[in-house]
Amino acid sequence: MRNALRGRCRMRRFDTAQPILAGLVSAVVGFASAFTVVLAGLRAVGASPAQAASGLLVLCVGIAATTAFLALRHRMPISTAWSTPGAALLVTTSHVQGGWPAAVGAFLVAAALIVVAGLSPWLARAIAAIPRPIAGAMLAGVILSLCTAPVRAVVDVPELAVPVVLTWALLTRFARQWAVPGALLAAVVAIAVRGVHLTGVSVAPAAVFTVPTFTVPALVSIAVPLFLVTMAAQNVPGMAVMATYGYTPPLRGVLVTTGVASALAAPFGGHALNLAAITAALTAGPDAHPDPRRRWVGATALAAGQLALGLGAGLAMALVLLSPPVLVIAVAGLALLSALGTSLVSAVTEPAGREAAVVTFVVTASGTTILNVGPAFWGLVAGGLTALLLHRRRGGTASADSPTPATVATAGAADGGAADGGAAGAAVSGPSPSAAVPGASGGASAGASGGASGSVSVAAPGAAVADNAAVTSAPMSAANSGSASG
């Protein structure tokens, strides 16, 4: 009897320890793989070091709060993340009219749009109507300059960059999930060897409030593109990953929760929160726990881990300040390489949408600012007009190769080295379930109820997903099932 009781106690400890370990690993991978992208993005749109560290802190707190709330409420391994593709967008947008307060105002508007997408079906249908090649091309154009940074770093600071790149390459071959965190560690070691010190640099976490202002250029350059890439490159693929493991979270509830949390974080520098993809794969899969009903424990552990990591936001900012800027961007670029590859595949795979996708990519990658509006917006406009022109030239008939309207834009992780945490190439396989985007028509509903006469279903048969630096979901197909009405 005594031995039987001891055996049960051991089983209970293992029953809890396995998902907790998976959640903590997810938190570390997600943070280490993408925090440099976040800090670089916030600094690019005018944040001071203290404001950027504040933004990283509140994003971690927001991830902890929303993940814990959703996981405990629904008893599902629902995890959230910061928008890594959104942070990459900020890097390419750079300074906007009105400075940092205007950027904060744009973060608030983007958060409001996410809430509206959760409450109203028409906005979700509008997002789903963006052709996949155009969405993928816009994301590829946004992150291209970041992905070339490792090359520039090897030329400018070879003594620092070469060890970083070699570490990343070796780990990509033998332990892909740890490639970007390993590269970051190599950068830290290289900086330490140089003999730098933290004198005069504050490492204590502090939330810095900024009164938002609203300018048209900031809204057009930041708010709208930030909302689009967050929805297309994180939320939709995140639902597909969850569906792959047999979970159907209420997407509307997720959008409202992350949107409200983003709005609360915005005045303190947080740009956007969303559903995770890679961290979702790490906590929702069988490695987290054999019993799907127990995997939600891993998500709560991820929340605790993110909260602890957020306390190191000041130290992370200090590391960035002590590093050559090109080295910081180089680490971010390594994290986004898989995102770039998947985005380009998404952009050019479908022949009928290829010309419009190429136009979108070229305009976005040009970095050109027109009327104080950034290139991501103009890339979407140019691509959309090209698609419309070619559609009319072909007589308005859709060919068999016509692009599928879907916002399954790709990224590789933000949550990192793959986008949401950097686990590039983490394989997610499943029986091809579907995740529903609220507001479209017919098809499976991913827990979204009311207000829509149908749904856009996103199938992910054996999708390779990379999350947090941007989120990857490829190959992923989205079918607009049925007609969208009222």
Foldseek 3Di string as FASTA:
>chain_A
DVVVVVVVVVVVVVLLVLLLVLLLVLLQLLCLFALLLQLLLLVQQADDLQLSLLQLLLQLLLQLVLLQVQCVVVLANWGKFAALLLSLLSNLLGYFPPGNLQLLVLLLLLLVLLLCLLVAQVSLVVLLQQFQLLLLLLSLLSLVVLLCLLVVCCVPPVLQSVQLVVQLVVCCVPPLSCSLSRSSVSNVVSLVVVPDDCVPADQFRDFDFANHDHDPQSNQARNVVSNSQQVLFAAFLLQQLCVQLPAQRASSVQSNSQSVSSNVSSRRNHRGMHTWHVSCNSQQDCSSDVDNSSSSSSSSSNSVSSNVVSRRSSVVSSSCVSDDVSNSSNSLSLFWPLQSVQSNCSNCVQPLLNVLSVQLNVQSNVSDADPSHTSSSVSSVSSVVVSVVSCVVVVVDADPSRGARGSNHHTQCACRSGRNSRSGQDKRAHDFDWHWRRAAADDDYSSHDDNWHHTKTKTQHRFGWGYHSTIGTPPIDIHRPDGTDD
